[in-house]
Amino acid sequence: MHFKLIIALVDEGQTKSIMLAAREVGATGATVIGSARGEGLSPKKTFFGLNLESQRDMLMFIVEEHLSREVLEHIAMIGGFDDNPGSGVAFQLDVEDTIGLARQIKAIEDDVEEIL
């Protein structure tokens, strides 16, 4: 079985809805790293040296490769990544190997069998 790592950087207020969206289309779990910061095309303005930007969360999903594109597109749609500048970004990377997913692999196999 081959996996992809999907990383999504979203406003912390969107974390729950993005995680639910990913589960709707096959993700079996996620790791959330809070308080990430980033900068887009233009730096955000500050007020007396304090940043006015909201905090972001980094969500990491390990997804079976046949499900990965659908998960990626669905979380982008729910998060409005293409419609609202600064709302978030998501990308996927190949995963060489995994350990610790034995319980999830059975559920993943069942989902992938339905697709294939």
C-alpha atoms as a PDB file:
ATOM      1  CA  MET A   1       0.000   0.000   0.000  1.00  0.00           C
ATOM      2  CA  HIS A   2       1.304   3.453  -0.916  1.00  0.00           C
ATOM      3  CA  PHE A   3       0.547   6.659   0.944  1.00  0.00           C
ATOM      4  CA  LYS A   4       0.662  10.410   0.465  1.00  0.00           C
ATOM      5  CA  LEU A   5       1.167  13.015   3.172  1.00  0.00           C
ATOM      6  CA  ILE A   6      -1.263  15.900   2.813  1.00  0.00           C
ATOM      7  CA  ILE A   7      -0.270  19.040   4.679  1.00  0.00           C
ATOM      8  CA  ALA A   8      -2.817  21.831   5.064  1.00  0.00           C
ATOM      9  CA  LEU A   9      -2.097  25.204   6.658  1.00  0.00           C
ATOM     10  CA  VAL A  10      -5.371  26.791   7.780  1.00  0.00           C
ATOM     11  CA  ASP A  11      -6.711  29.446  10.138  1.00  0.00           C
ATOM     12  CA  GLU A  12      -7.227  27.844  13.524  1.00  0.00           C
ATOM     13  CA  GLY A  13     -10.964  28.544  13.256  1.00  0.00           C
ATOM     14  CA  GLN A  14     -11.166  26.260  10.203  1.00  0.00           C
ATOM     15  CA  THR A  15      -9.299  23.298  11.673  1.00  0.00           C
ATOM     16  CA  LYS A  16     -12.371  21.344  12.778  1.00  0.00           C
ATOM     17  CA  SER A  17     -14.249  21.804   9.477  1.00  0.00           C
ATOM     18  CA  ILE A  18     -11.182  20.842   7.415  1.00  0.00           C
ATOM     19  CA  MET A  19     -10.634  17.711   9.512  1.00  0.00           C
ATOM     20  CA  LEU A  20     -14.301  16.716   9.091  1.00  0.00           C
ATOM     21  CA  ALA A  21     -14.068  17.363   5.338  1.00  0.00           C
ATOM     22  CA  ALA A  22     -11.000  15.123   5.058  1.00  0.00           C
ATOM     23  CA  ARG A  23     -12.744  12.323   6.962  1.00  0.00           C
ATOM     24  CA  GLU A  24     -15.788  12.582   4.667  1.00  0.00           C
ATOM     25  CA  VAL A  25     -13.656  11.495   1.715  1.00  0.00           C
ATOM     26  CA  GLY A  26     -11.411   8.876   3.275  1.00  0.00           C
ATOM     27  CA  ALA A  27      -8.847  10.318   5.686  1.00  0.00           C
ATOM     28  CA  THR A  28      -8.674   8.197   8.839  1.00  0.00           C
ATOM     29  CA  GLY A  29      -7.023  10.721  11.148  1.00  0.00           C
ATOM     30  CA  ALA A  30      -4.763  13.733  11.362  1.00  0.00           C
ATOM     31  CA  THR A  31      -2.021  15.354  13.365  1.00  0.00           C
ATOM     32  CA  VAL A  32      -2.503  19.022  14.238  1.00  0.00           C
ATOM     33  CA  ILE A  33       0.349  21.383  15.025  1.00  0.00           C
ATOM     34  CA  GLY A  34      -0.921  24.686  16.366  1.00  0.00           C
ATOM     35  CA  SER A  35       0.344  28.249  16.257  1.00  0.00           C
ATOM     36  CA  ALA A  36       2.086  28.128  12.886  1.00  0.00           C
ATOM     37  CA  ARG A  37       2.867  31.422  11.180  1.00  0.00           C
ATOM     38  CA  GLY A  38       3.335  32.263   7.541  1.00  0.00           C
ATOM     39  CA  GLU A  39       3.474  35.076   5.052  1.00  0.00           C
ATOM     40  CA  GLY A  40       1.925  35.329   1.593  1.00  0.00           C
ATOM     41  CA  LEU A  41       2.747  37.666  -1.291  1.00  0.00           C
ATOM     42  CA  SER A  42       2.558  40.773   0.884  1.00  0.00           C
ATOM     43  CA  PRO A  43       3.598  40.965   4.519  1.00  0.00           C
ATOM     44  CA  LYS A  44       0.743  41.712   6.927  1.00  0.00           C
ATOM     45  CA  LYS A  45       0.645  45.133   8.503  1.00  0.00           C
ATOM     46  CA  THR A  46       1.458  45.495  12.154  1.00  0.00           C
ATOM     47  CA  PHE A  47       0.019  47.688  14.858  1.00  0.00           C
ATOM     48  CA  PHE A  48       2.761  49.064  17.118  1.00  0.00           C
ATOM     49  CA  GLY A  49       4.921  46.081  16.196  1.00  0.00           C
ATOM     50  CA  LEU A  50       2.245  43.462  16.930  1.00  0.00           C
ATOM     51  CA  ASN A  51       1.121  41.123  14.165  1.00  0.00           C
ATOM     52  CA  LEU A  52      -2.537  41.414  13.204  1.00  0.00           C
ATOM     53  CA  GLU A  53      -2.696  38.024  11.515  1.00  0.00           C
ATOM     54  CA  SER A  54      -4.584  35.107  13.010  1.00  0.00           C
ATOM     55  CA  GLN A  55      -2.850  31.934  14.129  1.00  0.00           C
ATOM     56  CA  ARG A  56      -2.699  28.986  11.756  1.00  0.00           C
ATOM     57  CA  ASP A  57      -2.739  25.272  12.337  1.00  0.00           C
ATOM     58  CA  MET A  58      -0.790  22.721  10.331  1.00  0.00           C
ATOM     59  CA  LEU A  59      -2.863  19.605   9.645  1.00  0.00           C
ATOM     60  CA  MET A  60      -1.084  16.476   8.458  1.00  0.00           C
ATOM     61  CA  PHE A  61      -3.000  13.558   6.955  1.00  0.00           C
ATOM     62  CA  ILE A  62      -1.451  10.263   5.825  1.00  0.00           C
ATOM     63  CA  VAL A  63      -3.796   9.073   3.085  1.00  0.00           C
ATOM     64  CA  GLU A  64      -3.751   6.101   0.725  1.00  0.00           C
ATOM     65  CA  GLU A  65      -2.624   7.328  -2.690  1.00  0.00           C
ATOM     66  CA  HIS A  66      -5.892   6.468  -4.487  1.00  0.00           C
ATOM     67  CA  LEU A  67      -7.805   8.692  -2.048  1.00  0.00           C
ATOM     68  CA  SER A  68      -5.287  11.524  -1.799  1.00  0.00           C
ATOM     69  CA  ARG A  69      -6.389  13.720  -4.700  1.00  0.00           C
ATOM     70  CA  GLU A  70     -10.027  13.640  -3.602  1.00  0.00           C
ATOM     71  CA  VAL A  71      -9.052  14.524  -0.025  1.00  0.00           C
ATOM     72  CA  LEU A  72      -6.825  17.353  -1.250  1.00  0.00           C
ATOM     73  CA  GLU A  73      -9.514  18.819  -3.528  1.00  0.00           C
ATOM     74  CA  HIS A  74     -12.281  18.449  -0.936  1.00  0.00           C
ATOM     75  CA  ILE A  75     -10.411  20.220   1.856  1.00  0.00           C
ATOM     76  CA  ALA A  76      -9.432  22.984  -0.574  1.00  0.00           C
ATOM     77  CA  MET A  77     -13.075  23.448  -1.567  1.00  0.00           C
ATOM     78  CA  ILE A  78     -14.384  23.424   2.028  1.00  0.00           C
ATOM     79  CA  GLY A  79     -11.615  25.798   3.128  1.00  0.00           C
ATOM     80  CA  GLY A  80     -12.076  28.102   0.136  1.00  0.00           C
ATOM     81  CA  PHE A  81      -8.336  28.064  -0.547  1.00  0.00           C
ATOM     82  CA  ASP A  82      -8.662  29.141  -4.197  1.00  0.00           C
ATOM     83  CA  ASP A  83     -11.529  31.590  -3.629  1.00  0.00           C
ATOM     84  CA  ASN A  84     -10.248  33.524  -0.602  1.00  0.00           C
ATOM     85  CA  PRO A  85      -6.609  34.667  -0.616  1.00  0.00           C
ATOM     86  CA  GLY A  86      -4.908  33.876   2.676  1.00  0.00           C
ATOM     87  CA  SER A  87      -7.500  31.290   3.733  1.00  0.00           C
ATOM     88  CA  GLY A  88      -5.102  28.380   3.518  1.00  0.00           C
ATOM     89  CA  VAL A  89      -2.938  26.160   1.401  1.00  0.00           C
ATOM     90  CA  ALA A  90      -2.639  22.393   1.036  1.00  0.00           C
ATOM     91  CA  PHE A  91      -0.183  20.130  -0.755  1.00  0.00           C
ATOM     92  CA  GLN A  92       0.759  16.477  -0.872  1.00  0.00           C
ATOM     93  CA  LEU A  93       4.048  14.601  -0.744  1.00  0.00           C
ATOM     94  CA  ASP A  94       4.959  10.977  -1.415  1.00  0.00           C
ATOM     95  CA  VAL A  95       5.494   8.840   1.680  1.00  0.00           C
ATOM     96  CA  GLU A  96       8.362   6.378   1.441  1.00  0.00           C
ATOM     97  CA  ASP A  97       7.292   4.096   4.303  1.00  0.00           C
ATOM     98  CA  THR A  98       5.054   4.049   7.380  1.00  0.00           C
ATOM     99  CA  ILE A  99       4.970   2.388  10.764  1.00  0.00           C
ATOM    100  CA  GLY A 100       2.154   2.568  13.286  1.00  0.00           C
ATOM    101  CA  LEU A 101      -0.830   2.458  10.939  1.00  0.00           C
ATOM    102  CA  ALA A 102      -1.751  -1.221  11.382  1.00  0.00           C
ATOM    103  CA  ARG A 103      -5.219  -0.498  12.804  1.00  0.00           C
ATOM    104  CA  GLN A 104      -6.025   2.083  10.164  1.00  0.00           C
ATOM    105  CA  ILE A 105      -4.811   0.014   7.215  1.00  0.00           C
ATOM    106  CA  LYS A 106      -7.782  -2.378   7.442  1.00  0.00           C
ATOM    107  CA  ALA A 107     -10.246   0.520   7.199  1.00  0.00           C
ATOM    108  CA  ILE A 108      -8.198   2.068   4.400  1.00  0.00           C
ATOM    109  CA  GLU A 109      -8.120  -1.223   2.466  1.00  0.00           C
ATOM    110  CA  ASP A 110     -11.921  -1.462   2.632  1.00  0.00           C
ATOM    111  CA  ASP A 111     -12.306   2.098   1.302  1.00  0.00           C
ATOM    112  CA  VAL A 112      -9.804   1.578  -1.509  1.00  0.00           C
ATOM    113  CA  GLU A 113     -11.408  -1.732  -2.559  1.00  0.00           C
ATOM    114  CA  GLU A 114     -14.678   0.121  -3.188  1.00  0.00           C
ATOM    115  CA  ILE A 115     -12.868   2.617  -5.436  1.00  0.00           C
ATOM    116  CA  LEU A 116     -10.934  -0.007  -7.399  1.00  0.00           C
END
